[in-house]
């Protein structure tokens, strides 16, 4: 190309102006990704509404907090059990079709909840059954949907896409329950469930417009097994480290289960204080997605993950030492922001460094880690706090997270040298 043929930059836009806000390039360049992102965002908000509505309805029927707690168990077990299987299926069939079928199943289940509520069918085991089936659909849908993204965008746009996806997830956690509470309060459970069922149409339409998404290489059903995916992961130290680093944060330094006790003992608060503590990491995660424009310039993804997980552990440790509520909320928000940064680069490494025929299974493992890790962290934090104190548990967990991460980084030194321009799994 000659010098005169080169397109000129806009005069009012500096060539190297640093980007601060989220990079919207994936939304501008790929109409398929844009539809999928908007559809998923609407669906996640609808699912957040349903999640809260089910908890409220279970409590309304039983007046038991234990019964409400079982909702999480009925969701977790199928999610973990079918997450790995769903990833294996995603590596054998057309991922577009698998996404359509599983999302349609979730929509039908939301419609069943609405029909039951309209009919006055108030049986807690019906709600538990729907929750379990919804978790199965999600466990099958998520690996297929995540494995589609690298087929829609070039590798250099994947960090931006994963940051945008993190905003979708966080919006579902924040906006969905708030809308769900308002809608249930004004119009009843049936309205929340019905809106969720209708909201799935956006995701279904986006997937319907996608091209065929079969894996790059034809993989037989026997080869595309869960064990094959785990054996692949066992021989790929950089990909394996993405999971180990997340374990350091989500299992060793995860104080969520202690928020009710901490709200009273440290801040003299009540249920509203507990809600603020729970919302602070989510708000930080959302801000981490909104101000993610800088992430596209990072090439050392492994090093970025180490810094982010180290920041999580440090923020949690300092949170355990502060007795000022607003300062505590600030450090929890910092931890949430660091978690988003870690998630963006971990997901990008899996999408780029793994071959296409393995992406579904690795995303299945990712689901198990994301779903199971925090629950194990809740159990560990509660057990240690009973033996010691919340202060020792929270601060000690944050310090242990940083130390464990450092030992892992020393054991697998190549992880810090991982370069996105030459991805090595």
Protein backbone atom coordinates (compact mmCIF):
# COMPACT_ATOMS: atom_id res chain seq x y z
CA UNK A 1 0.00 0.00 0.00
CA UNK A 2 1.41 3.39 -0.94
CA UNK A 3 1.71 6.24 1.48
CA UNK A 4 -1.09 8.16 -0.19
CA UNK A 5 -3.45 5.17 -0.04
CA UNK A 6 -3.33 4.84 3.74
CA UNK A 7 -6.52 5.88 5.53
CA UNK A 8 -6.02 8.96 7.65
CA UNK A 9 -6.89 9.14 11.32
CA UNK A 10 -9.52 11.63 12.48
CA UNK A 11 -7.75 14.89 13.28
CA UNK A 12 -9.53 15.35 16.58
CA UNK A 13 -8.53 11.92 17.88
CA UNK A 14 -4.96 11.32 19.15
CA UNK A 15 -3.38 8.18 17.75
CA UNK A 16 -2.29 6.75 21.11
CA UNK A 17 -4.98 8.05 23.41
CA UNK A 18 -5.27 5.56 26.29
CA UNK A 19 -8.61 3.83 26.58
CA UNK A 20 -10.28 3.89 30.00
CA UNK A 21 -13.86 2.74 29.54
CA UNK A 22 -14.81 -0.70 28.27
CA UNK A 23 -13.71 -1.44 24.72
CA UNK A 24 -16.86 -1.75 22.62
CA UNK A 25 -15.02 -2.89 19.48
CA UNK A 26 -16.50 -6.44 19.59
CA UNK A 27 -20.00 -4.96 19.62
CA UNK A 28 -19.19 -2.75 16.64
CA UNK A 29 -17.34 -5.24 14.46
CA UNK A 30 -19.42 -8.42 14.86
CA UNK A 31 -23.18 -8.29 14.42
CA UNK A 32 -23.44 -11.90 15.65
CA UNK A 33 -21.57 -11.12 18.86
CA UNK A 34 -23.60 -7.94 19.33
CA UNK A 35 -26.88 -9.85 19.12
CA UNK A 36 -25.56 -12.57 21.43
CA UNK A 37 -24.33 -10.05 24.00
CA UNK A 38 -27.58 -8.10 24.14
CA UNK A 39 -29.63 -11.29 24.21
CA UNK A 40 -27.56 -12.78 27.01
CA UNK A 41 -27.69 -9.55 29.02
CA UNK A 42 -31.49 -9.48 28.89
CA UNK A 43 -31.69 -13.19 29.70
CA UNK A 44 -29.29 -12.87 32.66
CA UNK A 45 -31.39 -10.07 34.14
CA UNK A 46 -34.49 -12.22 33.73
CA UNK A 47 -32.77 -15.16 35.40
CA UNK A 48 -31.73 -12.90 38.29
CA UNK A 49 -35.38 -11.95 38.73
CA UNK A 50 -36.42 -15.61 38.80
CA UNK A 51 -33.67 -16.57 41.25
CA UNK A 52 -34.92 -14.02 43.78
CA UNK A 53 -38.59 -14.80 43.12
CA UNK A 54 -38.04 -18.52 43.76
CA UNK A 55 -36.27 -17.82 47.06
CA UNK A 56 -39.09 -15.51 48.13
CA UNK A 57 -41.77 -18.01 47.12
CA UNK A 58 -40.05 -20.91 48.91
CA UNK A 59 -39.87 -18.83 52.09
CA UNK A 60 -43.49 -17.74 51.66
CA UNK A 61 -44.55 -21.39 51.43
CA UNK A 62 -42.33 -22.87 54.15
CA UNK A 63 -41.32 -19.96 56.42
CA UNK A 64 -37.97 -21.78 56.69
CA UNK A 65 -34.55 -20.31 55.91
CA UNK A 66 -33.23 -23.88 55.65
CA UNK A 67 -35.72 -24.54 52.85
CA UNK A 68 -34.49 -21.40 51.08
CA UNK A 69 -30.90 -22.61 51.49
CA UNK A 70 -31.83 -25.86 49.76
CA UNK A 71 -32.58 -23.84 46.61
CA UNK A 72 -28.84 -23.25 46.24
CA UNK A 73 -28.08 -26.94 46.78
CA UNK A 74 -30.62 -28.06 44.18
CA UNK A 75 -28.97 -25.65 41.76
CA UNK A 76 -25.33 -26.44 42.59
CA UNK A 77 -25.40 -30.23 42.33
CA UNK A 78 -26.76 -30.41 38.74
CA UNK A 79 -24.55 -27.51 37.68
CA UNK A 80 -21.41 -29.31 38.84
CA UNK A 81 -22.56 -32.76 37.70
CA UNK A 82 -23.63 -31.67 34.22
CA UNK A 83 -21.05 -28.91 33.68
CA UNK A 84 -18.33 -31.33 32.59
CA UNK A 85 -20.79 -33.38 30.55
CA UNK A 86 -22.18 -30.27 28.86
CA UNK A 87 -18.67 -29.28 27.83
CA UNK A 88 -18.07 -32.69 26.26
CA UNK A 89 -21.34 -32.47 24.33
CA UNK A 90 -20.38 -28.99 23.09
CA UNK A 91 -17.26 -30.51 21.51
CA UNK A 92 -19.23 -33.05 19.48
CA UNK A 93 -22.28 -31.23 18.08
CA UNK A 94 -23.26 -27.94 16.51
CA UNK A 95 -22.85 -25.49 19.39
CA UNK A 96 -25.45 -23.16 17.93
CA UNK A 97 -28.06 -25.92 17.97
CA UNK A 98 -27.04 -27.03 21.47
CA UNK A 99 -27.37 -23.44 22.69
CA UNK A 100 -30.80 -23.13 21.11
CA UNK A 101 -32.09 -26.36 22.64
CA UNK A 102 -30.76 -25.65 26.15
CA UNK A 103 -31.94 -22.00 26.15
CA UNK A 104 -35.36 -23.16 24.93
CA UNK A 105 -35.47 -25.59 27.85
CA UNK A 106 -34.76 -22.76 30.29
CA UNK A 107 -37.49 -20.63 28.70
CA UNK A 108 -40.02 -23.48 28.97
CA UNK A 109 -39.12 -23.98 32.64
CA UNK A 110 -39.64 -20.28 33.39
CA UNK A 111 -42.99 -20.51 31.63
CA UNK A 112 -43.83 -23.54 33.81
CA UNK A 113 -43.05 -21.48 36.92
CA UNK A 114 -45.33 -18.71 35.66
CA UNK A 115 -48.12 -21.18 34.87
CA UNK A 116 -47.81 -22.76 38.31
CA UNK A 117 -47.93 -19.36 40.00
CA UNK A 118 -50.96 -18.26 37.95
CA UNK A 119 -52.71 -21.54 38.87
CA UNK A 120 -51.88 -21.16 42.56
CA UNK A 121 -49.79 -24.36 42.52
CA UNK A 122 -47.68 -23.75 45.64
CA UNK A 123 -45.58 -26.85 46.22
CA UNK A 124 -41.99 -26.41 47.26
CA UNK A 125 -40.81 -29.63 45.61
CA UNK A 126 -42.13 -28.38 42.29
CA UNK A 127 -39.92 -25.30 42.70
CA UNK A 128 -36.92 -27.44 43.68
CA UNK A 129 -37.44 -29.63 40.62
CA UNK A 130 -37.62 -26.65 38.26
CA UNK A 131 -34.48 -25.15 39.83
CA UNK A 132 -32.58 -28.41 39.29
CA UNK A 133 -33.70 -28.68 35.66
CA UNK A 134 -32.81 -25.04 35.04
CA UNK A 135 -29.32 -25.77 36.38
CA UNK A 136 -29.01 -28.68 33.94
CA UNK A 137 -29.96 -26.41 31.03
CA UNK A 138 -27.47 -23.77 32.20
CA UNK A 139 -24.70 -26.36 32.57
CA UNK A 140 -25.21 -27.44 28.96
CA UNK A 141 -25.76 -23.96 27.56
CA UNK A 142 -22.84 -22.12 29.11
CA UNK A 143 -19.94 -24.17 27.63
CA UNK A 144 -21.55 -24.06 24.18
CA UNK A 145 -22.12 -20.30 24.37
CA UNK A 146 -18.60 -19.56 25.65
CA UNK A 147 -17.00 -21.78 23.00
CA UNK A 148 -18.79 -19.77 20.29
CA UNK A 149 -17.09 -16.47 21.12
CA UNK A 150 -13.62 -17.27 19.62
CA UNK A 151 -15.38 -18.19 16.36
CA UNK A 152 -17.08 -14.78 16.18
CA UNK A 153 -14.14 -12.50 17.04
CA UNK A 154 -10.39 -12.27 16.34
CA UNK A 155 -8.07 -13.19 19.27
CA UNK A 156 -7.09 -9.58 19.99
CA UNK A 157 -10.73 -8.69 20.73
CA UNK A 158 -11.33 -11.53 23.20
CA UNK A 159 -10.20 -9.63 26.35
CA UNK A 160 -12.66 -6.85 25.49
CA UNK A 161 -15.40 -9.41 24.80
CA UNK A 162 -14.80 -11.18 28.10
CA UNK A 163 -14.91 -7.85 29.94
CA UNK A 164 -18.26 -7.13 28.28
CA UNK A 165 -19.46 -10.61 29.23
CA UNK A 166 -18.48 -9.96 32.84
CA UNK A 167 -20.70 -6.87 32.78
CA UNK A 168 -23.56 -9.07 31.55
CA UNK A 169 -23.12 -11.51 34.43
CA UNK A 170 -22.73 -8.81 37.07
CA UNK A 171 -25.75 -6.90 35.74
CA UNK A 172 -27.78 -10.08 36.15
CA UNK A 173 -26.65 -10.39 39.77
CA UNK A 174 -27.31 -6.73 40.59
CA UNK A 175 -30.20 -5.56 38.41
CA UNK A 176 -32.11 -8.85 38.19
CA UNK A 177 -32.79 -9.29 41.93
CA UNK A 178 -33.68 -5.61 42.35
CA UNK A 179 -36.22 -5.77 39.52
CA UNK A 180 -37.43 -9.13 40.77
CA UNK A 181 -38.14 -7.75 44.22
CA UNK A 182 -40.06 -4.78 42.79
CA UNK A 183 -42.08 -6.91 40.36
CA UNK A 184 -42.94 -9.57 42.96
CA UNK A 185 -43.95 -6.82 45.39
CA UNK A 186 -46.25 -5.08 42.92
CA UNK A 187 -47.48 -7.87 40.63
CA UNK A 188 -46.69 -11.23 42.23
CA UNK A 189 -44.42 -14.18 41.45
CA UNK A 190 -46.21 -15.05 38.23
CA UNK A 191 -45.28 -11.72 36.64
CA UNK A 192 -41.57 -12.14 37.43
CA UNK A 193 -41.54 -15.68 36.00
CA UNK A 194 -43.49 -14.63 32.91
CA UNK A 195 -41.13 -11.72 32.18
CA UNK A 196 -38.16 -14.09 32.53
CA UNK A 197 -39.71 -16.53 30.04
CA UNK A 198 -40.28 -13.71 27.55
CA UNK A 199 -36.75 -12.35 28.12
CA UNK A 200 -35.30 -15.62 26.79
CA UNK A 201 -36.62 -14.70 23.35
CA UNK A 202 -33.76 -12.20 22.96
CA UNK A 203 -31.13 -14.89 23.54
CA UNK A 204 -32.98 -17.40 21.36
CA UNK A 205 -33.20 -14.90 18.50
CA UNK A 206 -29.48 -14.14 18.74
CA UNK A 207 -28.56 -17.83 18.58
CA UNK A 208 -31.04 -18.47 15.78
CA UNK A 209 -29.23 -15.90 13.61
CA UNK A 210 -25.81 -17.45 14.21
CA UNK A 211 -24.12 -19.61 11.56
CA UNK A 212 -23.43 -23.28 12.22
CA UNK A 213 -20.92 -23.71 15.05
CA UNK A 214 -19.57 -27.24 14.73
CA UNK A 215 -16.10 -27.83 16.25
CA UNK A 216 -13.20 -27.33 13.84
CA UNK A 217 -12.36 -31.02 13.77
CA UNK A 218 -14.90 -33.84 13.76
CA UNK A 219 -14.68 -35.44 17.17
CA UNK A 220 -16.33 -38.75 17.90
CA UNK A 221 -18.52 -39.19 20.93
CA UNK A 222 -16.02 -41.53 22.59
CA UNK A 223 -13.08 -39.19 22.06
CA UNK A 224 -14.94 -36.11 23.26
CA UNK A 225 -15.16 -37.43 26.79
CA UNK A 226 -14.81 -35.67 30.09
CA UNK A 227 -11.70 -37.71 30.93
CA UNK A 228 -10.10 -36.73 27.63
CA UNK A 229 -10.59 -33.07 28.53
CA UNK A 230 -9.12 -33.57 32.01
CA UNK A 231 -6.11 -35.44 30.55
CA UNK A 232 -5.56 -32.56 28.14
CA UNK A 233 -5.67 -30.07 31.01
CA UNK A 234 -3.22 -32.15 33.04
CA UNK A 235 -0.56 -31.70 30.34
CA UNK A 236 -1.08 -27.97 29.81
CA UNK A 237 0.51 -26.08 32.75
CA UNK A 238 -0.56 -22.58 31.74
CA UNK A 239 -4.22 -23.51 31.37
CA UNK A 240 -4.05 -25.54 34.56
CA UNK A 241 -2.65 -22.54 36.43
CA UNK A 242 -5.70 -20.46 35.48
CA UNK A 243 -7.76 -22.85 37.62
CA UNK A 244 -5.22 -23.13 40.44
CA UNK A 245 -4.97 -19.36 40.78
CA UNK A 246 -8.75 -19.08 41.00
CA UNK A 247 -8.79 -21.74 43.73
CA UNK A 248 -6.46 -19.52 45.78
CA UNK A 249 -9.02 -16.73 45.73
CA UNK A 250 -12.35 -18.54 45.79
CA UNK A 251 -11.55 -21.30 48.30
CA UNK A 252 -8.82 -19.92 50.56
CA UNK A 253 -9.95 -16.26 50.74
CA UNK A 254 -13.71 -16.18 50.27
CA UNK A 255 -15.40 -14.43 53.24
CA UNK A 256 -19.00 -14.37 51.93
CA UNK A 257 -20.32 -16.89 54.48
CA UNK A 258 -19.09 -14.67 57.32
CA UNK A 259 -20.87 -11.49 56.21
CA UNK A 260 -23.87 -11.91 58.58
CA UNK A 261 -21.57 -12.41 61.59
CA UNK A 262 -19.18 -9.69 60.47
CA UNK A 263 -22.01 -7.18 59.98
CA UNK A 264 -23.00 -7.53 63.63
CA UNK A 265 -19.64 -8.13 65.34
CA UNK A 266 -17.51 -5.61 63.44
CA UNK A 267 -19.95 -2.90 62.43
CA UNK A 268 -22.86 -3.24 64.85
CA UNK A 269 -25.17 -3.58 61.85
CA UNK A 270 -28.10 -5.72 60.76
CA UNK A 271 -29.47 -7.43 57.66
CA UNK A 272 -29.10 -4.22 55.65
CA UNK A 273 -25.40 -4.11 56.52
CA UNK A 274 -25.07 -7.72 55.40
CA UNK A 275 -26.69 -6.79 52.09
CA UNK A 276 -24.23 -3.95 51.62
CA UNK A 277 -21.30 -6.28 52.28
CA UNK A 278 -22.65 -8.79 49.76
CA UNK A 279 -23.27 -6.09 47.12
CA UNK A 280 -19.86 -4.41 47.39
CA UNK A 281 -17.85 -7.11 45.50
CA UNK A 282 -20.53 -7.23 42.79
CA UNK A 283 -20.37 -3.46 42.40
CA UNK A 284 -16.59 -3.62 42.18
CA UNK A 285 -16.88 -6.37 39.57
CA UNK A 286 -19.24 -4.23 37.51
CA UNK A 287 -16.86 -1.25 37.68
CA UNK A 288 -14.02 -3.57 36.67
CA UNK A 289 -15.95 -4.34 33.51
CA UNK A 290 -16.95 -0.74 32.82
CA UNK A 291 -13.37 0.53 33.16
CA UNK A 292 -11.72 -2.33 31.27
CA UNK A 293 -10.45 -0.47 28.21
CA UNK A 294 -6.81 -0.88 29.25
CA UNK A 295 -6.99 -4.68 29.26
CA UNK A 296 -6.78 -4.98 25.48
CA UNK A 297 -3.21 -3.64 25.58
CA UNK A 298 -2.00 -6.34 27.99
CA UNK A 299 -0.09 -9.24 26.42
CA UNK A 300 1.29 -10.97 29.54
CA UNK A 301 -2.00 -12.53 30.57
CA UNK A 302 -0.50 -14.91 33.12
CA UNK A 303 1.26 -12.09 34.92
CA UNK A 304 -1.97 -10.06 34.88
CA UNK A 305 -3.82 -12.97 36.53
CA UNK A 306 -1.15 -13.25 39.23
CA UNK A 307 -1.39 -9.53 40.01
CA UNK A 308 -5.21 -9.64 40.02
CA UNK A 309 -5.49 -12.66 42.33
CA UNK A 310 -2.78 -11.17 44.56
CA UNK A 311 -4.82 -7.95 44.71
CA UNK A 312 -7.91 -9.98 45.69
CA UNK A 313 -6.06 -11.67 48.56
CA UNK A 314 -4.51 -8.40 49.76
CA UNK A 315 -7.86 -6.56 49.67
CA UNK A 316 -9.57 -9.38 51.62
CA UNK A 317 -6.78 -9.39 54.22
CA UNK A 318 -7.07 -5.62 54.74
CA UNK A 319 -10.88 -5.91 54.87
CA UNK A 320 -10.42 -8.32 57.78
CA UNK A 321 -8.48 -5.65 59.72
CA UNK A 322 -10.74 -2.64 59.20
CA UNK A 323 -13.65 -1.78 61.49
CA UNK A 324 -14.95 1.15 59.48
CA UNK A 325 -17.92 0.04 57.37
CA UNK A 326 -17.28 2.31 54.39
CA UNK A 327 -13.60 1.40 54.32
CA UNK A 328 -14.56 -2.28 54.49
CA UNK A 329 -16.98 -1.85 51.60
CA UNK A 330 -14.26 -0.12 49.61
CA UNK A 331 -11.81 -3.03 50.00
CA UNK A 332 -14.52 -5.55 49.13
CA UNK A 333 -15.22 -3.55 45.97
CA UNK A 334 -11.50 -3.58 45.16
CA UNK A 335 -11.55 -7.36 45.56
CA UNK A 336 -14.54 -7.64 43.22
CA UNK A 337 -12.80 -5.49 40.61
CA UNK A 338 -9.66 -7.65 40.85
CA UNK A 339 -11.78 -10.76 40.40
CA UNK A 340 -13.20 -9.39 37.14
CA UNK A 341 -9.70 -8.67 35.83
CA UNK A 342 -8.63 -12.21 36.72
CA UNK A 343 -11.73 -13.71 35.09
CA UNK A 344 -11.23 -11.76 31.85
CA UNK A 345 -7.67 -12.98 31.34
CA UNK A 346 -8.36 -16.54 32.55
CA UNK A 347 -11.23 -16.90 30.12
CA UNK A 348 -9.22 -15.34 27.29
CA UNK A 349 -6.35 -17.77 27.84
CA UNK A 350 -8.74 -20.73 27.66
CA UNK A 351 -10.37 -19.42 24.50
CA UNK A 352 -7.10 -18.65 22.68
CA UNK A 353 -4.59 -21.24 23.91
CA UNK A 354 -6.94 -24.24 23.76
CA UNK A 355 -7.77 -25.88 20.42
CA UNK A 356 -11.35 -25.44 19.26
CA UNK A 357 -12.24 -29.09 19.77
CA UNK A 358 -11.32 -28.80 23.49
CA UNK A 359 -12.96 -25.46 24.28
CA UNK A 360 -16.32 -26.90 25.31
CA UNK A 361 -14.79 -29.29 27.83
CA UNK A 362 -12.52 -26.64 29.30
CA UNK A 363 -15.49 -24.32 29.67
CA UNK A 364 -17.26 -27.18 31.44
CA UNK A 365 -14.38 -27.40 33.92
CA UNK A 366 -14.56 -23.62 34.27
CA UNK A 367 -18.25 -23.87 35.25
CA UNK A 368 -17.46 -26.47 37.91
CA UNK A 369 -14.68 -24.29 39.33
CA UNK A 370 -16.77 -21.10 39.29
CA UNK A 371 -19.81 -22.85 40.80
CA UNK A 372 -18.05 -25.15 43.24
CA UNK A 373 -15.08 -23.05 44.38
CA UNK A 374 -17.04 -20.33 46.23
CA UNK A 375 -19.25 -22.98 47.90
CA UNK A 376 -16.14 -24.77 49.18
CA UNK A 377 -14.83 -21.40 50.26
CA UNK A 378 -18.04 -20.76 52.21
CA UNK A 379 -17.66 -24.11 53.99
CA UNK A 380 -13.97 -23.53 54.77
CA UNK A 381 -14.55 -19.98 56.05
CA UNK A 382 -17.44 -21.04 58.28
CA UNK A 383 -15.51 -23.99 59.71
CA UNK A 384 -12.33 -22.03 60.41
CA UNK A 385 -14.27 -19.12 61.93
CA UNK A 386 -15.98 -21.53 64.35
CA UNK A 387 -12.58 -22.77 65.49
CA UNK A 388 -10.90 -19.34 65.60
CA UNK A 389 -12.65 -16.04 64.82
CA UNK A 390 -13.92 -14.12 61.79
CA UNK A 391 -10.89 -11.80 61.95
CA UNK A 392 -8.40 -14.66 61.86
CA UNK A 393 -10.35 -16.36 59.09
CA UNK A 394 -10.72 -13.35 56.80
CA UNK A 395 -7.27 -11.82 57.27
CA UNK A 396 -5.51 -15.17 57.44
CA UNK A 397 -7.35 -16.33 54.33
CA UNK A 398 -6.25 -13.27 52.38
CA UNK A 399 -2.62 -13.75 53.42
CA UNK A 400 -2.80 -17.49 52.67
CA UNK A 401 -4.18 -16.68 49.22
CA UNK A 402 -1.19 -14.48 48.39
CA UNK A 403 1.31 -17.02 49.79
CA UNK A 404 -0.27 -19.97 47.94
CA UNK A 405 -0.34 -17.95 44.72
CA UNK A 406 3.35 -17.09 45.14
CA UNK A 407 4.28 -20.75 45.62
CA UNK A 408 2.32 -21.74 42.53
CA UNK A 409 3.99 -18.98 40.49
CA UNK A 410 7.41 -20.25 41.61
CA UNK A 411 6.49 -23.84 40.74
CA UNK A 412 5.24 -22.95 37.23
CA UNK A 413 7.36 -19.95 36.28
CA UNK A 414 6.30 -20.08 32.65
CA UNK A 415 2.83 -18.87 33.59
CA UNK A 416 4.11 -15.35 34.33
CA UNK A 417 5.86 -15.34 30.94
CA UNK A 418 2.75 -16.33 28.97
CA UNK A 419 2.43 -14.02 25.95
CA UNK A 420 -0.91 -13.62 24.17
CA UNK A 421 0.98 -13.10 20.88
CA UNK A 422 2.35 -16.64 21.16
CA UNK A 423 -0.23 -18.52 23.26
CA UNK A 424 1.13 -21.70 24.82
CA UNK A 425 -1.32 -23.84 26.77
